[in-house]
Amino acid sequence: MPEPFIGPYQRDILEQLRCSAEDAAIVEDIMRNHVFHSTLDWQSATELQRGTREAWAIMECDREVFERYYSDTRSIFAEASQRDETA
């Protein structure tokens, strides 16, 4: 199985939080959808650092919910990929 892609925002999150790659992916998504309600391209470095901390706090408050959601989402994509490979 190939290594998952880690983009520049996830690398910054990993560096700031010293968390797992999976947590960094969740934090990035929370930043986009709950903290900034936007892409991250418009944020300054200071805003991104603050957003990272805020997203981490949100994730920690509801970690079980976020982990289940992302696990379920990955399963759906894996199933669709397997169907495409057998079609």
PDB file of N, CA and C in Angstrom:
ATOM      1  N   MET A   1       0.851  -1.182   0.000  1.00  0.00           N
ATOM      2  CA  MET A   1       0.000   0.000   0.000  1.00  0.00           C
ATOM      3  C   MET A   1       0.898   1.246   0.000  1.00  0.00           C
ATOM      4  N   PRO A   2       0.651   2.199  -0.920  1.00  0.00           N
ATOM      5  CA  PRO A   2       1.506   3.386  -0.997  1.00  0.00           C
ATOM      6  C   PRO A   2       1.295   4.305   0.207  1.00  0.00           C
ATOM      7  N   GLU A   3       2.333   5.081   0.485  1.00  0.00           N
ATOM      8  CA  GLU A   3       2.244   6.061   1.567  1.00  0.00           C
ATOM      9  C   GLU A   3       1.190   7.106   1.202  1.00  0.00           C
ATOM     10  N   PRO A   4       0.391   7.554   2.174  1.00  0.00           N
ATOM     11  CA  PRO A   4      -0.603   8.586   1.857  1.00  0.00           C
ATOM     12  C   PRO A   4       0.088   9.906   1.537  1.00  0.00           C
ATOM     13  N   PHE A   5      -0.522  10.681   0.669  1.00  0.00           N
ATOM     14  CA  PHE A   5       0.000  11.992   0.307  1.00  0.00           C
ATOM     15  C   PHE A   5      -0.152  12.931   1.501  1.00  0.00           C
ATOM     16  N   ILE A   6       0.898  13.661   1.811  1.00  0.00           N
ATOM     17  CA  ILE A   6       0.844  14.670   2.872  1.00  0.00           C
ATOM     18  C   ILE A   6       1.154  16.004   2.217  1.00  0.00           C
ATOM     19  N   GLY A   7       0.131  16.863   2.162  1.00  0.00           N
ATOM     20  CA  GLY A   7       0.269  18.159   1.515  1.00  0.00           C
ATOM     21  C   GLY A   7       0.952  19.178   2.415  1.00  0.00           C
ATOM     22  N   PRO A   8       1.167  20.368   1.883  1.00  0.00           N
ATOM     23  CA  PRO A   8       1.901  21.389   2.634  1.00  0.00           C
ATOM     24  C   PRO A   8       1.192  21.830   3.916  1.00  0.00           C
ATOM     25  N   TYR A   9      -0.124  21.919   3.889  1.00  0.00           N
ATOM     26  CA  TYR A   9      -0.826  22.320   5.111  1.00  0.00           C
ATOM     27  C   TYR A   9      -0.702  21.235   6.180  1.00  0.00           C
ATOM     28  N   GLN A  10      -0.835  19.985   5.762  1.00  0.00           N
ATOM     29  CA  GLN A  10      -0.689  18.885   6.725  1.00  0.00           C
ATOM     30  C   GLN A  10       0.715  18.837   7.298  1.00  0.00           C
ATOM     31  N   ARG A  11       1.729  19.123   6.474  1.00  0.00           N
ATOM     32  CA  ARG A  11       3.110  19.167   6.989  1.00  0.00           C
ATOM     33  C   ARG A  11       3.256  20.246   8.057  1.00  0.00           C
ATOM     34  N   ASP A  12       2.661  21.424   7.798  1.00  0.00           N
ATOM     35  CA  ASP A  12       2.713  22.499   8.787  1.00  0.00           C
ATOM     36  C   ASP A  12       1.988  22.109  10.074  1.00  0.00           C
ATOM     37  N   ILE A  13       0.850  21.437   9.922  1.00  0.00           N
ATOM     38  CA  ILE A  13       0.083  20.982  11.087  1.00  0.00           C
ATOM     39  C   ILE A  13       0.885  19.954  11.875  1.00  0.00           C
ATOM     40  N   LEU A  14       1.499  19.009  11.172  1.00  0.00           N
ATOM     41  CA  LEU A  14       2.335  17.996  11.825  1.00  0.00           C
ATOM     42  C   LEU A  14       3.459  18.648  12.621  1.00  0.00           C
ATOM     43  N   GLU A  15       4.076  19.653  12.021  1.00  0.00           N
ATOM     44  CA  GLU A  15       5.185  20.340  12.679  1.00  0.00           C
ATOM     45  C   GLU A  15       4.707  21.103  13.915  1.00  0.00           C
ATOM     46  N   GLN A  16       3.572  21.763  13.794  1.00  0.00           N
ATOM     47  CA  GLN A  16       3.064  22.569  14.904  1.00  0.00           C
ATOM     48  C   GLN A  16       2.532  21.710  16.048  1.00  0.00           C
ATOM     49  N   LEU A  17       1.795  20.665  15.728  1.00  0.00           N
ATOM     50  CA  LEU A  17       1.115  19.881  16.768  1.00  0.00           C
ATOM     51  C   LEU A  17       1.855  18.613  17.175  1.00  0.00           C
ATOM     52  N   ARG A  18       2.788  18.146  16.322  1.00  0.00           N
ATOM     53  CA  ARG A  18       3.465  16.869  16.588  1.00  0.00           C
ATOM     54  C   ARG A  18       2.428  15.744  16.758  1.00  0.00           C
ATOM     55  N   CYS A  19       1.471  15.722  15.832  1.00  0.00           N
ATOM     56  CA  CYS A  19       0.398  14.733  15.881  1.00  0.00           C
ATOM     57  C   CYS A  19       0.616  13.694  14.792  1.00  0.00           C
ATOM     58  N   SER A  20      -0.287  12.746  14.687  1.00  0.00           N
ATOM     59  CA  SER A  20      -0.207  11.736  13.631  1.00  0.00           C
ATOM     60  C   SER A  20      -0.644  12.348  12.302  1.00  0.00           C
ATOM     61  N   ALA A  21      -0.268  11.698  11.203  1.00  0.00           N
ATOM     62  CA  ALA A  21      -0.677  12.157   9.871  1.00  0.00           C
ATOM     63  C   ALA A  21      -2.195  12.113   9.734  1.00  0.00           C
ATOM     64  N   GLU A  22      -2.812  11.108  10.326  1.00  0.00           N
ATOM     65  CA  GLU A  22      -4.270  11.010  10.272  1.00  0.00           C
ATOM     66  C   GLU A  22      -4.923  12.183  11.000  1.00  0.00           C
ATOM     67  N   ASP A  23      -4.401  12.526  12.186  1.00  0.00           N
ATOM     68  CA  ASP A  23      -4.926  13.679  12.918  1.00  0.00           C
ATOM     69  C   ASP A  23      -4.708  14.965  12.133  1.00  0.00           C
ATOM     70  N   ALA A  24      -3.556  15.089  11.480  1.00  0.00           N
ATOM     71  CA  ALA A  24      -3.269  16.291  10.689  1.00  0.00           C
ATOM     72  C   ALA A  24      -4.277  16.450   9.556  1.00  0.00           C
ATOM     73  N   ALA A  25      -4.653  15.351   8.923  1.00  0.00           N
ATOM     74  CA  ALA A  25      -5.644  15.408   7.846  1.00  0.00           C
ATOM     75  C   ALA A  25      -6.999  15.868   8.391  1.00  0.00           C
ATOM     76  N   ILE A  26      -7.375  15.359   9.551  1.00  0.00           N
ATOM     77  CA  ILE A  26      -8.642  15.760  10.162  1.00  0.00           C
ATOM     78  C   ILE A  26      -8.588  17.231  10.552  1.00  0.00           C
ATOM     79  N   VAL A  27      -7.478  17.667  11.164  1.00  0.00           N
ATOM     80  CA  VAL A  27      -7.337  19.062  11.569  1.00  0.00           C
ATOM     81  C   VAL A  27      -7.432  19.975  10.343  1.00  0.00           C
ATOM     82  N   GLU A  28      -6.777  19.606   9.245  1.00  0.00           N
ATOM     83  CA  GLU A  28      -6.856  20.427   8.035  1.00  0.00           C
ATOM     84  C   GLU A  28      -8.292  20.557   7.563  1.00  0.00           C
ATOM     85  N   ASP A  29      -9.025  19.469   7.559  1.00  0.00           N
ATOM     86  CA  ASP A  29     -10.414  19.515   7.115  1.00  0.00           C
ATOM     87  C   ASP A  29     -11.267  20.365   8.058  1.00  0.00           C
ATOM     88  N   ILE A  30     -11.047  20.252   9.355  1.00  0.00           N
ATOM     89  CA  ILE A  30     -11.785  21.076  10.319  1.00  0.00           C
ATOM     90  C   ILE A  30     -11.456  22.555  10.094  1.00  0.00           C
ATOM     91  N   MET A  31     -10.193  22.853   9.809  1.00  0.00           N
ATOM     92  CA  MET A  31      -9.823  24.242   9.527  1.00  0.00           C
ATOM     93  C   MET A  31     -10.605  24.768   8.328  1.00  0.00           C
ATOM     94  N   ARG A  32     -10.705  23.963   7.281  1.00  0.00           N
ATOM     95  CA  ARG A  32     -11.404  24.398   6.061  1.00  0.00           C
ATOM     96  C   ARG A  32     -12.907  24.548   6.295  1.00  0.00           C
ATOM     97  N   ASN A  33     -13.502  23.586   6.988  1.00  0.00           N
ATOM     98  CA  ASN A  33     -14.960  23.516   7.057  1.00  0.00           C
ATOM     99  C   ASN A  33     -15.593  24.095   8.318  1.00  0.00           C
ATOM    100  N   HIS A  34     -14.833  24.227   9.387  1.00  0.00           N
ATOM    101  CA  HIS A  34     -15.416  24.698  10.649  1.00  0.00           C
ATOM    102  C   HIS A  34     -14.779  25.986  11.155  1.00  0.00           C
ATOM    103  N   VAL A  35     -13.491  26.164  10.917  1.00  0.00           N
ATOM    104  CA  VAL A  35     -12.802  27.336  11.450  1.00  0.00           C
ATOM    105  C   VAL A  35     -12.883  28.506  10.462  1.00  0.00           C
ATOM    106  N   PHE A  36     -12.411  28.298   9.235  1.00  0.00           N
ATOM    107  CA  PHE A  36     -12.355  29.383   8.260  1.00  0.00           C
ATOM    108  C   PHE A  36     -13.521  29.368   7.272  1.00  0.00           C
ATOM    109  N   HIS A  37     -14.214  28.244   7.120  1.00  0.00           N
ATOM    110  CA  HIS A  37     -15.309  28.105   6.156  1.00  0.00           C
ATOM    111  C   HIS A  37     -14.841  28.530   4.760  1.00  0.00           C
ATOM    112  N   SER A  38     -13.629  28.118   4.411  1.00  0.00           N
ATOM    113  CA  SER A  38     -13.011  28.569   3.174  1.00  0.00           C
ATOM    114  C   SER A  38     -11.801  27.689   2.867  1.00  0.00           C
ATOM    115  N   THR A  39     -11.214  27.943   1.705  1.00  0.00           N
ATOM    116  CA  THR A  39      -9.911  27.341   1.437  1.00  0.00           C
ATOM    117  C   THR A  39      -8.906  27.984   2.387  1.00  0.00           C
ATOM    118  N   LEU A  40      -7.750  27.407   2.495  1.00  0.00           N
ATOM    119  CA  LEU A  40      -6.748  27.935   3.414  1.00  0.00           C
ATOM    120  C   LEU A  40      -5.784  28.900   2.729  1.00  0.00           C
ATOM    121  N   ASP A  41      -5.906  29.042   1.426  1.00  0.00           N
ATOM    122  CA  ASP A  41      -4.988  29.869   0.648  1.00  0.00           C
ATOM    123  C   ASP A  41      -4.993  31.339   1.053  1.00  0.00           C
ATOM    124  N   TRP A  42      -6.083  31.797   1.615  1.00  0.00           N
ATOM    125  CA  TRP A  42      -6.244  33.220   1.929  1.00  0.00           C
ATOM    126  C   TRP A  42      -5.722  33.582   3.309  1.00  0.00           C
ATOM    127  N   GLN A  43      -5.309  32.601   4.083  1.00  0.00           N
ATOM    128  CA  GLN A  43      -4.927  32.848   5.479  1.00  0.00           C
ATOM    129  C   GLN A  43      -3.440  33.186   5.586  1.00  0.00           C
ATOM    130  N   SER A  44      -3.125  34.105   6.482  1.00  0.00           N
ATOM    131  CA  SER A  44      -1.721  34.409   6.763  1.00  0.00           C
ATOM    132  C   SER A  44      -1.132  33.284   7.607  1.00  0.00           C
ATOM    133  N   ALA A  45       0.179  33.275   7.759  1.00  0.00           N
ATOM    134  CA  ALA A  45       0.835  32.253   8.583  1.00  0.00           C
ATOM    135  C   ALA A  45       0.319  32.307  10.015  1.00  0.00           C
ATOM    136  N   THR A  46       0.123  33.510  10.541  1.00  0.00           N
ATOM    137  CA  THR A  46      -0.386  33.666  11.907  1.00  0.00           C
ATOM    138  C   THR A  46      -1.800  33.121  12.021  1.00  0.00           C
ATOM    139  N   GLU A  47      -2.640  33.411  11.024  1.00  0.00           N
ATOM    140  CA  GLU A  47      -4.014  32.905  11.037  1.00  0.00           C
ATOM    141  C   GLU A  47      -4.032  31.385  10.939  1.00  0.00           C
ATOM    142  N   LEU A  48      -3.144  30.822  10.117  1.00  0.00           N
ATOM    143  CA  LEU A  48      -3.082  29.366   9.997  1.00  0.00           C
ATOM    144  C   LEU A  48      -2.657  28.720  11.318  1.00  0.00           C
ATOM    145  N   GLN A  49      -1.720  29.307  12.003  1.00  0.00           N
ATOM    146  CA  GLN A  49      -1.291  28.764  13.305  1.00  0.00           C
ATOM    147  C   GLN A  49      -2.433  28.817  14.314  1.00  0.00           C
ATOM    148  N   ARG A  50      -3.137  29.954  14.348  1.00  0.00           N
ATOM    149  CA  ARG A  50      -4.289  30.067  15.251  1.00  0.00           C
ATOM    150  C   ARG A  50      -5.377  29.072  14.854  1.00  0.00           C
ATOM    151  N   GLY A  51      -5.633  28.967  13.544  1.00  0.00           N
ATOM    152  CA  GLY A  51      -6.645  28.038  13.047  1.00  0.00           C
ATOM    153  C   GLY A  51      -6.308  26.588  13.361  1.00  0.00           C
ATOM    154  N   THR A  52      -5.017  26.260  13.311  1.00  0.00           N
ATOM    155  CA  THR A  52      -4.581  24.908  13.658  1.00  0.00           C
ATOM    156  C   THR A  52      -4.910  24.596  15.113  1.00  0.00           C
ATOM    157  N   ARG A  53      -4.595  25.528  15.990  1.00  0.00           N
ATOM    158  CA  ARG A  53      -4.888  25.311  17.419  1.00  0.00           C
ATOM    159  C   ARG A  53      -6.395  25.216  17.670  1.00  0.00           C
ATOM    160  N   GLU A  54      -7.165  26.070  16.993  1.00  0.00           N
ATOM    161  CA  GLU A  54      -8.615  26.050  17.161  1.00  0.00           C
ATOM    162  C   GLU A  54      -9.206  24.738  16.635  1.00  0.00           C
ATOM    163  N   ALA A  55      -8.735  24.304  15.472  1.00  0.00           N
ATOM    164  CA  ALA A  55      -9.224  23.050  14.890  1.00  0.00           C
ATOM    165  C   ALA A  55      -8.866  21.866  15.782  1.00  0.00           C
ATOM    166  N   TRP A  56      -7.668  21.874  16.361  1.00  0.00           N
ATOM    167  CA  TRP A  56      -7.264  20.800  17.267  1.00  0.00           C
ATOM    168  C   TRP A  56      -8.203  20.750  18.473  1.00  0.00           C
ATOM    169  N   ALA A  57      -8.528  21.905  19.023  1.00  0.00           N
ATOM    170  CA  ALA A  57      -9.438  21.950  20.178  1.00  0.00           C
ATOM    171  C   ALA A  57     -10.816  21.410  19.800  1.00  0.00           C
ATOM    172  N   ILE A  58     -11.298  21.762  18.620  1.00  0.00           N
ATOM    173  CA  ILE A  58     -12.592  21.252  18.158  1.00  0.00           C
ATOM    174  C   ILE A  58     -12.536  19.737  18.023  1.00  0.00           C
ATOM    175  N   MET A  59     -11.468  19.232  17.413  1.00  0.00           N
ATOM    176  CA  MET A  59     -11.337  17.784  17.231  1.00  0.00           C
ATOM    177  C   MET A  59     -11.273  17.069  18.574  1.00  0.00           C
ATOM    178  N   GLU A  60     -10.500  17.615  19.500  1.00  0.00           N
ATOM    179  CA  GLU A  60     -10.361  16.967  20.803  1.00  0.00           C
ATOM    180  C   GLU A  60     -11.688  16.922  21.570  1.00  0.00           C
ATOM    181  N   CYS A  61     -12.531  17.930  21.379  1.00  0.00           N
ATOM    182  CA  CYS A  61     -13.841  17.942  22.065  1.00  0.00           C
ATOM    183  C   CYS A  61     -14.744  16.823  21.557  1.00  0.00           C
ATOM    184  N   ASP A  62     -14.625  16.511  20.267  1.00  0.00           N
ATOM    185  CA  ASP A  62     -15.491  15.493  19.650  1.00  0.00           C
ATOM    186  C   ASP A  62     -14.674  14.491  18.859  1.00  0.00           C
ATOM    187  N   ARG A  63     -13.543  14.089  19.402  1.00  0.00           N
ATOM    188  CA  ARG A  63     -12.629  13.195  18.675  1.00  0.00           C
ATOM    189  C   ARG A  63     -13.326  11.943  18.159  1.00  0.00           C
ATOM    190  N   GLU A  64     -14.107  11.299  18.987  1.00  0.00           N
ATOM    191  CA  GLU A  64     -14.766  10.050  18.583  1.00  0.00           C
ATOM    192  C   GLU A  64     -15.666  10.276  17.369  1.00  0.00           C
ATOM    193  N   VAL A  65     -16.395  11.375  17.350  1.00  0.00           N
ATOM    194  CA  VAL A  65     -17.294  11.680  16.242  1.00  0.00           C
ATOM    195  C   VAL A  65     -16.491  11.912  14.956  1.00  0.00           C
ATOM    196  N   PHE A  66     -15.435  12.723  15.043  1.00  0.00           N
ATOM    197  CA  PHE A  66     -14.624  13.004  13.859  1.00  0.00           C
ATOM    198  C   PHE A  66     -13.923  11.744  13.360  1.00  0.00           C
ATOM    199  N   GLU A  67     -13.360  10.950  14.249  1.00  0.00           N
ATOM    200  CA  GLU A  67     -12.680   9.729  13.820  1.00  0.00           C
ATOM    201  C   GLU A  67     -13.647   8.763  13.148  1.00  0.00           C
ATOM    202  N   ARG A  68     -14.845   8.634  13.688  1.00  0.00           N
ATOM    203  CA  ARG A  68     -15.841   7.740  13.074  1.00  0.00           C
ATOM    204  C   ARG A  68     -16.242   8.266  11.695  1.00  0.00           C
ATOM    205  N   TYR A  69     -16.471   9.561  11.595  1.00  0.00           N
ATOM    206  CA  TYR A  69     -16.870  10.163  10.317  1.00  0.00           C
ATOM    207  C   TYR A  69     -15.801   9.918   9.250  1.00  0.00           C
ATOM    208  N   TYR A  70     -14.542  10.200   9.569  1.00  0.00           N
ATOM    209  CA  TYR A  70     -13.482  10.043   8.580  1.00  0.00           C
ATOM    210  C   TYR A  70     -13.205   8.573   8.279  1.00  0.00           C
ATOM    211  N   SER A  71     -13.354   7.717   9.246  1.00  0.00           N
ATOM    212  CA  SER A  71     -13.211   6.287   9.009  1.00  0.00           C
ATOM    213  C   SER A  71     -14.304   5.798   8.055  1.00  0.00           C
ATOM    214  N   ASP A  72     -15.527   6.216   8.312  1.00  0.00           N
ATOM    215  CA  ASP A  72     -16.644   5.832   7.438  1.00  0.00           C
ATOM    216  C   ASP A  72     -16.448   6.374   6.024  1.00  0.00           C
ATOM    217  N   THR A  73     -15.973   7.617   5.928  1.00  0.00           N
ATOM    218  CA  THR A  73     -15.743   8.222   4.617  1.00  0.00           C
ATOM    219  C   THR A  73     -14.667   7.468   3.847  1.00  0.00           C
ATOM    220  N   ARG A  74     -13.565   7.113   4.521  1.00  0.00           N
ATOM    221  CA  ARG A  74     -12.510   6.342   3.852  1.00  0.00           C
ATOM    222  C   ARG A  74     -13.039   4.991   3.396  1.00  0.00           C
ATOM    223  N   SER A  75     -13.893   4.361   4.187  1.00  0.00           N
ATOM    224  CA  SER A  75     -14.472   3.064   3.809  1.00  0.00           C
ATOM    225  C   SER A  75     -15.324   3.178   2.553  1.00  0.00           C
ATOM    226  N   ILE A  76     -16.100   4.236   2.470  1.00  0.00           N
ATOM    227  CA  ILE A  76     -16.951   4.446   1.295  1.00  0.00           C
ATOM    228  C   ILE A  76     -16.089   4.583   0.040  1.00  0.00           C
ATOM    229  N   PHE A  77     -15.016   5.384   0.134  1.00  0.00           N
ATOM    230  CA  PHE A  77     -14.141   5.555  -1.028  1.00  0.00           C
ATOM    231  C   PHE A  77     -13.408   4.260  -1.370  1.00  0.00           C
ATOM    232  N   ALA A  78     -13.010   3.496  -0.371  1.00  0.00           N
ATOM    233  CA  ALA A  78     -12.334   2.217  -0.623  1.00  0.00           C
ATOM    234  C   ALA A  78     -13.275   1.250  -1.334  1.00  0.00           C
ATOM    235  N   GLU A  79     -14.526   1.186  -0.885  1.00  0.00           N
ATOM    236  CA  GLU A  79     -15.508   0.310  -1.527  1.00  0.00           C
ATOM    237  C   GLU A  79     -15.751   0.729  -2.973  1.00  0.00           C
ATOM    238  N   ALA A  80     -15.878   2.037  -3.208  1.00  0.00           N
ATOM    239  CA  ALA A  80     -16.101   2.535  -4.570  1.00  0.00           C
ATOM    240  C   ALA A  80     -14.895   2.212  -5.451  1.00  0.00           C
ATOM    241  N   SER A  81     -13.705   2.344  -4.915  1.00  0.00           N
ATOM    242  CA  SER A  81     -12.493   2.050  -5.667  1.00  0.00           C
ATOM    243  C   SER A  81     -12.440   0.565  -6.036  1.00  0.00           C
ATOM    244  N   GLN A  82     -12.813  -0.300  -5.097  1.00  0.00           N
ATOM    245  CA  GLN A  82     -12.815  -1.734  -5.377  1.00  0.00           C
ATOM    246  C   GLN A  82     -13.842  -2.079  -6.454  1.00  0.00           C
ATOM    247  N   ARG A  83     -14.999  -1.434  -6.408  1.00  0.00           N
ATOM    248  CA  ARG A  83     -16.023  -1.673  -7.436  1.00  0.00           C
ATOM    249  C   ARG A  83     -15.503  -1.244  -8.794  1.00  0.00           C
ATOM    250  N   ASP A  84     -14.811  -0.098  -8.831  1.00  0.00           N
ATOM    251  CA  ASP A  84     -14.275   0.393 -10.104  1.00  0.00           C
ATOM    252  C   ASP A  84     -13.223  -0.562 -10.658  1.00  0.00           C
ATOM    253  N   GLU A  85     -12.403  -1.146  -9.779  1.00  0.00           N
ATOM    254  CA  GLU A  85     -11.356  -2.065 -10.218  1.00  0.00           C
ATOM    255  C   GLU A  85     -11.918  -3.363 -10.763  1.00  0.00           C
ATOM    256  N   THR A  86     -13.045  -3.817 -10.246  1.00  0.00           N
ATOM    257  CA  THR A  86     -13.637  -5.075 -10.700  1.00  0.00           C
ATOM    258  C   THR A  86     -14.587  -4.881 -11.876  1.00  0.00           C
ATOM    259  N   ALA A  87     -14.924  -3.644 -12.178  1.00  0.00           N
ATOM    260  CA  ALA A  87     -15.892  -3.387 -13.278  1.00  0.00           C
ATOM    261  C   ALA A  87     -15.229  -3.488 -14.623  1.00  0.00           C
TER     262      ALA A  87
END
